[in-house]
mmCIF file of all heavy atoms, coordinates in Angstrom:
data_MODEL
# 
_entry.id   MODEL 
# 
loop_
_atom_site.group_PDB 
_atom_site.id 
_atom_site.type_symbol 
_atom_site.label_atom_id 
_atom_site.label_alt_id 
_atom_site.label_comp_id 
_atom_site.label_asym_id 
_atom_site.label_entity_id 
_atom_site.label_seq_id 
_atom_site.pdbx_PDB_ins_code 
_atom_site.Cartn_x 
_atom_site.Cartn_y 
_atom_site.Cartn_z 
_atom_site.occupancy 
_atom_site.B_iso_or_equiv 
_atom_site.pdbx_formal_charge 
_atom_site.auth_seq_id 
_atom_site.auth_comp_id 
_atom_site.auth_asym_id 
_atom_site.auth_atom_id 
_atom_site.pdbx_PDB_model_num 
ATOM 1   N N   . ASP A 1 1  ? 0.917  -1.205 -0.014 1.00 0.00 ? 1  ASP A N   1 
ATOM 2   C CA  . ASP A 1 1  ? -0.020 0.015  0.046  1.00 0.00 ? 1  ASP A CA  1 
ATOM 3   C C   . ASP A 1 1  ? 0.854  1.236  0.008  1.00 0.00 ? 1  ASP A C   1 
ATOM 4   O O   . ASP A 1 1  ? 1.423  1.738  1.032  1.00 0.00 ? 1  ASP A O   1 
ATOM 5   C CB  . ASP A 1 1  ? -0.883 -0.012 1.205  1.00 0.00 ? 1  ASP A CB  1 
ATOM 6   C CG  . ASP A 1 1  ? -1.907 1.148  1.166  1.00 0.00 ? 1  ASP A CG  1 
ATOM 7   O OD1 . ASP A 1 1  ? -1.760 2.073  0.345  1.00 0.00 ? 1  ASP A OD1 1 
ATOM 8   O OD2 . ASP A 1 1  ? -3.006 0.990  1.876  1.00 0.00 ? 1  ASP A OD2 1 
ATOM 9   N N   . ALA A 1 2  ? 1.086  1.798  -1.179 1.00 0.00 ? 2  ALA A N   1 
ATOM 10  C CA  . ALA A 1 2  ? 1.955  2.943  -1.321 1.00 0.00 ? 2  ALA A CA  1 
ATOM 11  C C   . ALA A 1 2  ? 1.363  4.239  -0.709 1.00 0.00 ? 2  ALA A C   1 
ATOM 12  O O   . ALA A 1 2  ? 2.117  5.264  -0.511 1.00 0.00 ? 2  ALA A O   1 
ATOM 13  C CB  . ALA A 1 2  ? 2.145  3.265  -2.849 1.00 0.00 ? 2  ALA A CB  1 
ATOM 14  N N   . THR A 1 3  ? 0.160  4.188  -0.180 1.00 0.00 ? 3  THR A N   1 
ATOM 15  C CA  . THR A 1 3  ? -0.463 5.372  0.426  1.00 0.00 ? 3  THR A CA  1 
ATOM 16  C C   . THR A 1 3  ? -0.147 5.481  1.950  1.00 0.00 ? 3  THR A C   1 
ATOM 17  O O   . THR A 1 3  ? -0.496 6.461  2.515  1.00 0.00 ? 3  THR A O   1 
ATOM 18  C CB  . THR A 1 3  ? -2.002 5.420  0.228  1.00 0.00 ? 3  THR A CB  1 
ATOM 19  O OG1 . THR A 1 3  ? -2.577 4.404  1.023  1.00 0.00 ? 3  THR A OG1 1 
ATOM 20  C CG2 . THR A 1 3  ? -2.387 5.340  -1.209 1.00 0.00 ? 3  THR A CG2 1 
ATOM 21  N N   . LEU A 1 4  ? 0.486  4.421  2.478  1.00 0.00 ? 4  LEU A N   1 
ATOM 22  C CA  . LEU A 1 4  ? 0.781  4.511  3.973  1.00 0.00 ? 4  LEU A CA  1 
ATOM 23  C C   . LEU A 1 4  ? 1.867  5.544  4.208  1.00 0.00 ? 4  LEU A C   1 
ATOM 24  O O   . LEU A 1 4  ? 2.928  5.612  3.652  1.00 0.00 ? 4  LEU A O   1 
ATOM 25  C CB  . LEU A 1 4  ? 1.355  3.102  4.299  1.00 0.00 ? 4  LEU A CB  1 
ATOM 26  C CG  . LEU A 1 4  ? 1.845  2.929  5.803  1.00 0.00 ? 4  LEU A CG  1 
ATOM 27  C CD1 . LEU A 1 4  ? 0.719  3.170  6.759  1.00 0.00 ? 4  LEU A CD1 1 
ATOM 28  C CD2 . LEU A 1 4  ? 2.479  1.610  6.029  1.00 0.00 ? 4  LEU A CD2 1 
ATOM 29  N N   . ALA A 1 5  ? 1.452  6.396  5.256  1.00 0.00 ? 5  ALA A N   1 
ATOM 30  C CA  . ALA A 1 5  ? 2.316  7.498  5.537  1.00 0.00 ? 5  ALA A CA  1 
ATOM 31  C C   . ALA A 1 5  ? 3.055  7.127  6.871  1.00 0.00 ? 5  ALA A C   1 
ATOM 32  O O   . ALA A 1 5  ? 2.460  6.744  7.897  1.00 0.00 ? 5  ALA A O   1 
ATOM 33  C CB  . ALA A 1 5  ? 1.548  8.842  5.724  1.00 0.00 ? 5  ALA A CB  1 
ATOM 34  N N   . TYR A 1 6  ? 4.378  7.477  6.824  1.00 0.00 ? 6  TYR A N   1 
ATOM 35  C CA  . TYR A 1 6  ? 5.148  7.296  8.102  1.00 0.00 ? 6  TYR A CA  1 
ATOM 36  C C   . TYR A 1 6  ? 6.420  8.116  7.943  1.00 0.00 ? 6  TYR A C   1 
ATOM 37  O O   . TYR A 1 6  ? 6.733  8.736  6.926  1.00 0.00 ? 6  TYR A O   1 
ATOM 38  C CB  . TYR A 1 6  ? 5.533  5.814  8.350  1.00 0.00 ? 6  TYR A CB  1 
ATOM 39  C CG  . TYR A 1 6  ? 6.398  5.157  7.274  1.00 0.00 ? 6  TYR A CG  1 
ATOM 40  C CD1 . TYR A 1 6  ? 7.733  4.834  7.650  1.00 0.00 ? 6  TYR A CD1 1 
ATOM 41  C CD2 . TYR A 1 6  ? 5.919  4.815  6.039  1.00 0.00 ? 6  TYR A CD2 1 
ATOM 42  C CE1 . TYR A 1 6  ? 8.566  4.179  6.633  1.00 0.00 ? 6  TYR A CE1 1 
ATOM 43  C CE2 . TYR A 1 6  ? 6.732  4.142  5.121  1.00 0.00 ? 6  TYR A CE2 1 
ATOM 44  C CZ  . TYR A 1 6  ? 7.968  3.847  5.394  1.00 0.00 ? 6  TYR A CZ  1 
ATOM 45  O OH  . TYR A 1 6  ? 8.748  3.279  4.521  1.00 0.00 ? 6  TYR A OH  1 
ATOM 46  N N   . ARG A 1 7  ? 7.292  8.224  9.042  1.00 0.00 ? 7  ARG A N   1 
ATOM 47  C CA  . ARG A 1 7  ? 8.466  9.012  8.970  1.00 0.00 ? 7  ARG A CA  1 
ATOM 48  C C   . ARG A 1 7  ? 9.669  8.207  9.303  1.00 0.00 ? 7  ARG A C   1 
ATOM 49  O O   . ARG A 1 7  ? 9.627  7.418  10.213 1.00 0.00 ? 7  ARG A O   1 
ATOM 50  C CB  . ARG A 1 7  ? 8.335  10.199 10.012 1.00 0.00 ? 7  ARG A CB  1 
ATOM 51  C CG  . ARG A 1 7  ? 7.264  11.124 9.691  1.00 0.00 ? 7  ARG A CG  1 
ATOM 52  C CD  . ARG A 1 7  ? 7.163  12.169 10.904 1.00 0.00 ? 7  ARG A CD  1 
ATOM 53  N NE  . ARG A 1 7  ? 8.349  12.971 10.995 1.00 0.00 ? 7  ARG A NE  1 
ATOM 54  C CZ  . ARG A 1 7  ? 9.034  13.192 12.075 1.00 0.00 ? 7  ARG A CZ  1 
ATOM 55  N NH1 . ARG A 1 7  ? 8.566  12.641 13.199 1.00 0.00 ? 7  ARG A NH1 1 
ATOM 56  N NH2 . ARG A 1 7  ? 10.171 13.924 12.153 1.00 0.00 ? 7  ARG A NH2 1 
ATOM 57  N N   . TYR A 1 8  ? 10.781 8.472  8.590  1.00 0.00 ? 8  TYR A N   1 
ATOM 58  C CA  . TYR A 1 8  ? 12.094 7.874  8.979  1.00 0.00 ? 8  TYR A CA  1 
ATOM 59  C C   . TYR A 1 8  ? 13.116 8.708  8.213  1.00 0.00 ? 8  TYR A C   1 
ATOM 60  O O   . TYR A 1 8  ? 12.853 9.304  7.196  1.00 0.00 ? 8  TYR A O   1 
ATOM 61  C CB  . TYR A 1 8  ? 12.103 6.392  8.701  1.00 0.00 ? 8  TYR A CB  1 
ATOM 62  C CG  . TYR A 1 8  ? 12.366 6.136  7.270  1.00 0.00 ? 8  TYR A CG  1 
ATOM 63  C CD1 . TYR A 1 8  ? 13.626 5.929  6.784  1.00 0.00 ? 8  TYR A CD1 1 
ATOM 64  C CD2 . TYR A 1 8  ? 11.285 6.007  6.367  1.00 0.00 ? 8  TYR A CD2 1 
ATOM 65  C CE1 . TYR A 1 8  ? 13.863 5.564  5.397  1.00 0.00 ? 8  TYR A CE1 1 
ATOM 66  C CE2 . TYR A 1 8  ? 11.453 5.671  5.047  1.00 0.00 ? 8  TYR A CE2 1 
ATOM 67  C CZ  . TYR A 1 8  ? 12.718 5.391  4.523  1.00 0.00 ? 8  TYR A CZ  1 
ATOM 68  O OH  . TYR A 1 8  ? 12.915 5.104  3.279  1.00 0.00 ? 8  TYR A OH  1 
ATOM 69  N N   . ALA A 1 9  ? 14.407 8.624  8.704  1.00 0.00 ? 9  ALA A N   1 
ATOM 70  C CA  . ALA A 1 9  ? 15.435 9.315  7.979  1.00 0.00 ? 9  ALA A CA  1 
ATOM 71  C C   . ALA A 1 9  ? 16.653 8.386  7.927  1.00 0.00 ? 9  ALA A C   1 
ATOM 72  O O   . ALA A 1 9  ? 17.026 7.738  6.956  1.00 0.00 ? 9  ALA A O   1 
ATOM 73  C CB  . ALA A 1 9  ? 15.763 10.659 8.615  1.00 0.00 ? 9  ALA A CB  1 
ATOM 74  N N   . CYS A 1 10 ? 17.333 8.323  9.066  1.00 0.00 ? 10 CYS A N   1 
ATOM 75  C CA  . CYS A 1 10 ? 18.707 7.668  9.073  1.00 0.00 ? 10 CYS A CA  1 
ATOM 76  C C   . CYS A 1 10 ? 18.670 6.159  9.024  1.00 0.00 ? 10 CYS A C   1 
ATOM 77  O O   . CYS A 1 10 ? 19.540 5.529  8.519  1.00 0.00 ? 10 CYS A O   1 
ATOM 78  C CB  . CYS A 1 10 ? 19.546 8.116  10.310 1.00 0.00 ? 10 CYS A CB  1 
ATOM 79  S SG  . CYS A 1 10 ? 18.890 7.442  11.892 1.00 0.00 ? 10 CYS A SG  1 
ATOM 80  N N   . ARG A 1 11 ? 17.671 5.462  9.645  1.00 0.00 ? 11 ARG A N   1 
ATOM 81  C CA  . ARG A 1 11 ? 17.570 4.018  9.716  1.00 0.00 ? 11 ARG A CA  1 
ATOM 82  C C   . ARG A 1 11 ? 18.619 3.385  10.645 1.00 0.00 ? 11 ARG A C   1 
ATOM 83  O O   . ARG A 1 11 ? 18.649 2.159  10.811 1.00 0.00 ? 11 ARG A O   1 
ATOM 84  C CB  . ARG A 1 11 ? 17.613 3.404  8.364  1.00 0.00 ? 11 ARG A CB  1 
ATOM 85  C CG  . ARG A 1 11 ? 16.556 3.824  7.378  1.00 0.00 ? 11 ARG A CG  1 
ATOM 86  C CD  . ARG A 1 11 ? 16.721 3.102  6.064  1.00 0.00 ? 11 ARG A CD  1 
ATOM 87  N NE  . ARG A 1 11 ? 16.536 1.705  6.193  1.00 0.00 ? 11 ARG A NE  1 
ATOM 88  C CZ  . ARG A 1 11 ? 15.583 1.049  5.646  1.00 0.00 ? 11 ARG A CZ  1 
ATOM 89  N NH1 . ARG A 1 11 ? 14.616 1.693  4.972  1.00 0.00 ? 11 ARG A NH1 1 
ATOM 90  N NH2 . ARG A 1 11 ? 15.457 -0.255 5.821  1.00 0.00 ? 11 ARG A NH2 1 
ATOM 91  N N   . VAL A 1 12 ? 19.445 4.114  11.308 1.00 0.00 ? 12 VAL A N   1 
ATOM 92  C CA  . VAL A 1 12 ? 20.462 3.559  12.150 1.00 0.00 ? 12 VAL A CA  1 
ATOM 93  C C   . VAL A 1 12 ? 20.474 4.005  13.614 1.00 0.00 ? 12 VAL A C   1 
ATOM 94  O O   . VAL A 1 12 ? 21.401 4.025  14.256 1.00 0.00 ? 12 VAL A O   1 
ATOM 95  C CB  . VAL A 1 12 ? 21.831 3.725  11.516 1.00 0.00 ? 12 VAL A CB  1 
ATOM 96  C CG1 . VAL A 1 12 ? 22.027 2.997  10.248 1.00 0.00 ? 12 VAL A CG1 1 
ATOM 97  C CG2 . VAL A 1 12 ? 22.162 5.217  11.265 1.00 0.00 ? 12 VAL A CG2 1 
ATOM 98  N N   . GLY A 1 13 ? 19.309 4.512  14.041 1.00 0.00 ? 13 GLY A N   1 
ATOM 99  C CA  . GLY A 1 13 ? 19.162 4.936  15.399 1.00 0.00 ? 13 GLY A CA  1 
ATOM 100 C C   . GLY A 1 13 ? 19.918 6.189  15.800 1.00 0.00 ? 13 GLY A C   1 
ATOM 101 O O   . GLY A 1 13 ? 20.344 6.394  16.966 1.00 0.00 ? 13 GLY A O   1 
ATOM 102 N N   . MET A 1 14 ? 20.005 7.165  14.889 1.00 0.00 ? 14 MET A N   1 
ATOM 103 C CA  . MET A 1 14 ? 20.707 8.359  15.194 1.00 0.00 ? 14 MET A CA  1 
ATOM 104 C C   . MET A 1 14 ? 19.768 9.646  15.177 1.00 0.00 ? 14 MET A C   1 
ATOM 105 O O   . MET A 1 14 ? 19.998 10.500 15.951 1.00 0.00 ? 14 MET A O   1 
ATOM 106 C CB  . MET A 1 14 ? 21.683 8.697  14.070 1.00 0.00 ? 14 MET A CB  1 
ATOM 107 C CG  . MET A 1 14 ? 22.837 7.773  14.011 1.00 0.00 ? 14 MET A CG  1 
ATOM 108 S SD  . MET A 1 14 ? 23.873 7.836  15.524 1.00 0.00 ? 14 MET A SD  1 
ATOM 109 C CE  . MET A 1 14 ? 24.614 9.408  15.293 1.00 0.00 ? 14 MET A CE  1 
ATOM 110 N N   . CYS A 1 15 ? 18.615 9.516  14.416 1.00 0.00 ? 15 CYS A N   1 
ATOM 111 C CA  . CYS A 1 15 ? 17.762 10.736 14.339 1.00 0.00 ? 15 CYS A CA  1 
ATOM 112 C C   . CYS A 1 15 ? 16.450 10.626 15.233 1.00 0.00 ? 15 CYS A C   1 
ATOM 113 O O   . CYS A 1 15 ? 15.940 11.582 15.514 1.00 0.00 ? 15 CYS A O   1 
ATOM 114 C CB  . CYS A 1 15 ? 17.399 11.016 12.847 1.00 0.00 ? 15 CYS A CB  1 
ATOM 115 S SG  . CYS A 1 15 ? 16.280 9.798  12.111 1.00 0.00 ? 15 CYS A SG  1 
ATOM 116 N N   . GLY A 1 16 ? 15.978 9.423  15.424 1.00 0.00 ? 16 GLY A N   1 
ATOM 117 C CA  . GLY A 1 16 ? 14.777 9.293  16.186 1.00 0.00 ? 16 GLY A CA  1 
ATOM 118 C C   . GLY A 1 16 ? 13.520 9.515  15.473 1.00 0.00 ? 16 GLY A C   1 
ATOM 119 O O   . GLY A 1 16 ? 12.362 9.514  16.050 1.00 0.00 ? 16 GLY A O   1 
ATOM 120 N N   . SER A 1 17 ? 13.629 9.830  14.181 1.00 0.00 ? 17 SER A N   1 
ATOM 121 C CA  . SER A 1 17 ? 12.318 10.262 13.415 1.00 0.00 ? 17 SER A CA  1 
ATOM 122 C C   . SER A 1 17 ? 11.320 9.123  13.126 1.00 0.00 ? 17 SER A C   1 
ATOM 123 O O   . SER A 1 17 ? 10.206 9.415  12.764 1.00 0.00 ? 17 SER A O   1 
ATOM 124 C CB  . SER A 1 17 ? 12.687 10.961 12.040 1.00 0.00 ? 17 SER A CB  1 
ATOM 125 O OG  . SER A 1 17 ? 13.412 10.082 11.267 1.00 0.00 ? 17 SER A OG  1 
ATOM 126 N N   . CYS A 1 18 ? 11.866 7.903  13.315 1.00 0.00 ? 18 CYS A N   1 
ATOM 127 C CA  . CYS A 1 18 ? 10.954 6.724  12.968 1.00 0.00 ? 18 CYS A CA  1 
ATOM 128 C C   . CYS A 1 18 ? 10.117 6.237  14.210 1.00 0.00 ? 18 CYS A C   1 
ATOM 129 O O   . CYS A 1 18 ? 9.564  5.144  14.122 1.00 0.00 ? 18 CYS A O   1 
ATOM 130 C CB  . CYS A 1 18 ? 11.833 5.538  12.453 1.00 0.00 ? 18 CYS A CB  1 
ATOM 131 S SG  . CYS A 1 18 ? 12.875 4.846  13.733 1.00 0.00 ? 18 CYS A SG  1 
ATOM 132 N N   . ALA A 1 19 ? 10.060 7.078  15.231 1.00 0.00 ? 19 ALA A N   1 
ATOM 133 C CA  . ALA A 1 19 ? 9.402  6.560  16.494 1.00 0.00 ? 19 ALA A CA  1 
ATOM 134 C C   . ALA A 1 19 ? 7.936  6.338  16.227 1.00 0.00 ? 19 ALA A C   1 
ATOM 135 O O   . ALA A 1 19 ? 7.182  7.111  15.442 1.00 0.00 ? 19 ALA A O   1 
ATOM 136 C CB  . ALA A 1 19 ? 9.562  7.589  17.548 1.00 0.00 ? 19 ALA A CB  1 
ATOM 137 N N   . MET A 1 20 ? 7.423  5.216  16.725 1.00 0.00 ? 20 MET A N   1 
ATOM 138 C CA  . MET A 1 20 ? 5.943  4.851  16.675 1.00 0.00 ? 20 MET A CA  1 
ATOM 139 C C   . MET A 1 20 ? 5.638  4.132  17.939 1.00 0.00 ? 20 MET A C   1 
ATOM 140 O O   . MET A 1 20 ? 6.542  3.771  18.766 1.00 0.00 ? 20 MET A O   1 
ATOM 141 C CB  . MET A 1 20 ? 5.619  3.941  15.499 1.00 0.00 ? 20 MET A CB  1 
ATOM 142 C CG  . MET A 1 20 ? 6.045  4.497  14.124 1.00 0.00 ? 20 MET A CG  1 
ATOM 143 S SD  . MET A 1 20 ? 5.855  3.210  12.844 1.00 0.00 ? 20 MET A SD  1 
ATOM 144 C CE  . MET A 1 20 ? 6.849  3.912  11.524 1.00 0.00 ? 20 MET A CE  1 
ATOM 145 N N   . VAL A 1 21 ? 4.261  3.838  18.104 1.00 0.00 ? 21 VAL A N   1 
ATOM 146 C CA  . VAL A 1 21 ? 3.906  2.939  19.262 1.00 0.00 ? 21 VAL A CA  1 
ATOM 147 C C   . VAL A 1 21 ? 3.690  1.563  18.726 1.00 0.00 ? 21 VAL A C   1 
ATOM 148 O O   . VAL A 1 21 ? 2.962  1.302  17.819 1.00 0.00 ? 21 VAL A O   1 
ATOM 149 C CB  . VAL A 1 21 ? 2.534  3.472  19.834 1.00 0.00 ? 21 VAL A CB  1 
ATOM 150 C CG1 . VAL A 1 21 ? 2.068  2.564  20.902 1.00 0.00 ? 21 VAL A CG1 1 
ATOM 151 C CG2 . VAL A 1 21 ? 2.739  4.941  20.427 1.00 0.00 ? 21 VAL A CG2 1 
ATOM 152 N N   . VAL A 1 22 ? 4.590  0.635  19.256 1.00 0.00 ? 22 VAL A N   1 
ATOM 153 C CA  . VAL A 1 22 ? 4.664  -0.711 18.830 1.00 0.00 ? 22 VAL A CA  1 
ATOM 154 C C   . VAL A 1 22 ? 4.053  -1.650 19.895 1.00 0.00 ? 22 VAL A C   1 
ATOM 155 O O   . VAL A 1 22 ? 4.608  -1.723 20.992 1.00 0.00 ? 22 VAL A O   1 
ATOM 156 C CB  . VAL A 1 22 ? 6.018  -1.155 18.405 1.00 0.00 ? 22 VAL A CB  1 
ATOM 157 C CG1 . VAL A 1 22 ? 6.059  -2.569 17.913 1.00 0.00 ? 22 VAL A CG1 1 
ATOM 158 C CG2 . VAL A 1 22 ? 6.663  -0.232 17.416 1.00 0.00 ? 22 VAL A CG2 1 
ATOM 159 N N   . ASN A 1 23 ? 2.949  -2.222 19.619 1.00 0.00 ? 23 ASN A N   1 
ATOM 160 C CA  . ASN A 1 23 ? 2.250  -3.082 20.639 1.00 0.00 ? 23 ASN A CA  1 
ATOM 161 C C   . ASN A 1 23 ? 2.185  -2.351 22.062 1.00 0.00 ? 23 ASN A C   1 
ATOM 162 O O   . ASN A 1 23 ? 2.517  -2.929 23.056 1.00 0.00 ? 23 ASN A O   1 
ATOM 163 C CB  . ASN A 1 23 ? 2.980  -4.362 20.847 1.00 0.00 ? 23 ASN A CB  1 
ATOM 164 C CG  . ASN A 1 23 ? 2.689  -5.388 19.631 1.00 0.00 ? 23 ASN A CG  1 
ATOM 165 O OD1 . ASN A 1 23 ? 1.814  -5.077 18.908 1.00 0.00 ? 23 ASN A OD1 1 
ATOM 166 N ND2 . ASN A 1 23 ? 3.436  -6.528 19.652 1.00 0.00 ? 23 ASN A ND2 1 
ATOM 167 N N   . GLY A 1 24 ? 1.810  -1.110 21.904 1.00 0.00 ? 24 GLY A N   1 
ATOM 168 C CA  . GLY A 1 24 ? 1.486  -0.263 23.054 1.00 0.00 ? 24 GLY A CA  1 
ATOM 169 C C   . GLY A 1 24 ? 2.681  0.468  23.683 1.00 0.00 ? 24 GLY A C   1 
ATOM 170 O O   . GLY A 1 24 ? 2.530  1.142  24.654 1.00 0.00 ? 24 GLY A O   1 
ATOM 171 N N   . ARG A 1 25 ? 3.900  0.220  23.158 1.00 0.00 ? 25 ARG A N   1 
ATOM 172 C CA  . ARG A 1 25 ? 5.057  0.854  23.709 1.00 0.00 ? 25 ARG A CA  1 
ATOM 173 C C   . ARG A 1 25 ? 5.664  1.761  22.635 1.00 0.00 ? 25 ARG A C   1 
ATOM 174 O O   . ARG A 1 25 ? 5.990  1.359  21.481 1.00 0.00 ? 25 ARG A O   1 
ATOM 175 C CB  . ARG A 1 25 ? 6.135  -0.236 24.041 1.00 0.00 ? 25 ARG A CB  1 
ATOM 176 C CG  . ARG A 1 25 ? 5.675  -1.084 25.168 1.00 0.00 ? 25 ARG A CG  1 
ATOM 177 C CD  . ARG A 1 25 ? 6.666  -2.343 25.328 1.00 0.00 ? 25 ARG A CD  1 
ATOM 178 N NE  . ARG A 1 25 ? 7.923  -1.836 25.809 1.00 0.00 ? 25 ARG A NE  1 
ATOM 179 C CZ  . ARG A 1 25 ? 8.307  -1.742 27.149 1.00 0.00 ? 25 ARG A CZ  1 
ATOM 180 N NH1 . ARG A 1 25 ? 7.391  -2.101 27.959 1.00 0.00 ? 25 ARG A NH1 1 
ATOM 181 N NH2 . ARG A 1 25 ? 9.465  -1.337 27.497 1.00 0.00 ? 25 ARG A NH2 1 
ATOM 182 N N   . PRO A 1 26 ? 6.028  3.091  23.026 1.00 0.00 ? 26 PRO A N   1 
ATOM 183 C CA  . PRO A 1 26 ? 6.679  3.883  22.120 1.00 0.00 ? 26 PRO A CA  1 
ATOM 184 C C   . PRO A 1 26 ? 8.128  3.474  21.877 1.00 0.00 ? 26 PRO A C   1 
ATOM 185 O O   . PRO A 1 26 ? 8.874  3.275  22.900 1.00 0.00 ? 26 PRO A O   1 
ATOM 186 C CB  . PRO A 1 26 ? 6.578  5.311  22.798 1.00 0.00 ? 26 PRO A CB  1 
ATOM 187 C CG  . PRO A 1 26 ? 6.461  5.001  24.209 1.00 0.00 ? 26 PRO A CG  1 
ATOM 188 C CD  . PRO A 1 26 ? 5.774  3.678  24.334 1.00 0.00 ? 26 PRO A CD  1 
# 
């Protein structure tokens, strides 16, 4: 589904932009 919106940048744990709530935990 190409319409899914989310954020990420570095992919290596440096920027923090990919944060989400995963099974109730941020």
